[in-house]
Protein backbone atom coordinates (compact mmCIF):
# COMPACT_ATOMS: atom_id res chain seq x y z
CA MET A 1 1.11 4.36 12.79
CA ILE A 2 -2.45 5.48 13.50
CA LEU A 3 -4.35 6.62 10.42
CA PRO A 4 -7.92 7.83 9.85
CA GLU A 5 -10.54 5.07 9.55
CA GLU A 6 -10.90 5.53 5.77
CA ILE A 7 -7.25 4.48 5.27
CA CYS A 8 -6.59 2.53 8.49
CA LEU A 9 -5.68 -0.73 6.74
CA PHE A 10 -2.59 0.90 5.24
CA SER A 11 -1.05 1.18 8.71
CA GLY A 12 -1.09 -2.60 9.11
CA PHE A 13 0.62 -3.07 5.78
CA ILE A 14 3.27 -0.46 6.54
CA GLU A 15 3.96 -1.91 10.01
CA ASN A 16 4.87 -5.24 8.38
CA ILE A 17 7.61 -3.69 6.24
CA ALA A 18 10.81 -4.90 7.86
CA THR A 19 13.62 -2.78 6.37
CA ILE A 20 14.41 0.51 4.66
CA GLU A 21 15.52 -1.54 1.65
CA GLN A 22 12.04 -3.05 1.42
CA VAL A 23 10.51 0.47 1.48
CA ASP A 24 12.89 1.52 -1.30
CA GLU A 25 11.93 -1.57 -3.32
CA TYR A 26 8.19 -0.78 -2.97
CA ILE A 27 8.74 2.86 -3.96
CA GLU A 28 10.60 1.65 -7.05
CA TYR A 29 7.61 -0.53 -8.00
CA ILE A 30 5.24 2.40 -7.44
CA GLU A 31 7.35 4.73 -9.58
CA LYS A 32 7.29 2.18 -12.42
CA VAL A 33 3.49 2.19 -12.29
CA ILE A 34 3.28 5.99 -12.14
CA ASN A 35 5.72 6.33 -15.04
CA GLY A 36 3.79 3.80 -17.15
CA THR A 37 6.47 1.09 -17.23
CA ASN A 38 3.97 -1.24 -15.51
CA GLU A 39 0.19 -0.95 -15.75
CA ASN A 40 -0.20 -1.98 -12.11
CA PHE A 41 1.66 -3.95 -9.47
CA GLU A 42 0.46 -6.20 -6.67
CA ILE A 43 2.25 -6.92 -3.40
CA GLU A 44 1.11 -9.53 -0.89
CA LEU A 45 2.50 -9.25 2.61
CA TYR A 46 1.17 -11.64 5.23
CA ALA A 47 -2.65 -11.41 5.11
CA THR A 48 -2.70 -8.17 3.14
CA SER A 49 -2.79 -7.46 -0.59
CA LEU A 50 -1.77 -4.13 -2.08
CA LEU A 51 -2.79 -3.25 -5.65
CA ILE A 52 -0.87 -0.27 -6.98
CA LYS A 53 -2.41 1.57 -9.93
CA LYS A 54 -1.30 4.83 -11.50
CA ASP A 55 -3.82 7.01 -9.64
CA VAL A 56 -4.92 4.90 -6.67
CA THR A 57 -3.57 2.19 -4.42
CA ILE A 58 -5.94 -0.33 -2.84
CA VAL A 59 -5.15 -2.36 0.25
CA GLU A 60 -7.21 -5.42 1.13
CA LYS A 61 -7.00 -7.26 4.43
CA PHE A 62 -7.89 -10.95 4.04
CA ILE A 63 -8.27 -11.80 7.72
CA ARG A 64 -10.46 -9.16 9.31
CA ILE A 65 -13.75 -9.65 11.08
CA GLU A 66 -14.90 -6.05 11.21
CA VAL A 67 -15.31 -3.78 8.21
CA PRO A 68 -13.72 -2.27 6.23
CA HIS A 69 -11.80 -5.03 4.48
CA GLU A 70 -10.49 -2.64 1.82
CA ASN A 71 -9.16 0.94 1.74
CA THR A 72 -8.14 3.17 -1.15
CA ILE A 73 -5.70 6.07 -1.24
CA GLU A 74 -4.08 8.15 -3.98
CA THR A 75 -0.86 6.45 -5.07
CA LYS A 76 1.27 9.56 -4.50
CA GLN A 77 -0.11 9.82 -0.96
CA PHE A 78 0.86 6.19 -0.38
CA ILE A 79 4.46 7.02 -1.28
CA GLU A 80 4.35 9.79 1.31
CA LEU A 81 3.14 7.30 3.95
CA LEU A 82 5.98 4.94 3.11
CA LEU A 83 8.52 7.72 3.55
CA VAL A 84 7.28 8.62 7.05
């Protein structure tokens, strides 16, 4: 998946999701944050960390020479990316 530079790190995270079940699991976590069941939720997948908050989701790439090392997107938009 090729995304604009301002959210390019999300493509690497999404490419590492192995199954539809894993996507469904992540969407369930996101919905719990949006609904207020959890304040936030963090997922680490390989060298990437994803911090899900109610309004924004932040991805951080630990092993990256060039910038950016971090991208932010609206949480609802991140769900849409997962569903693609």
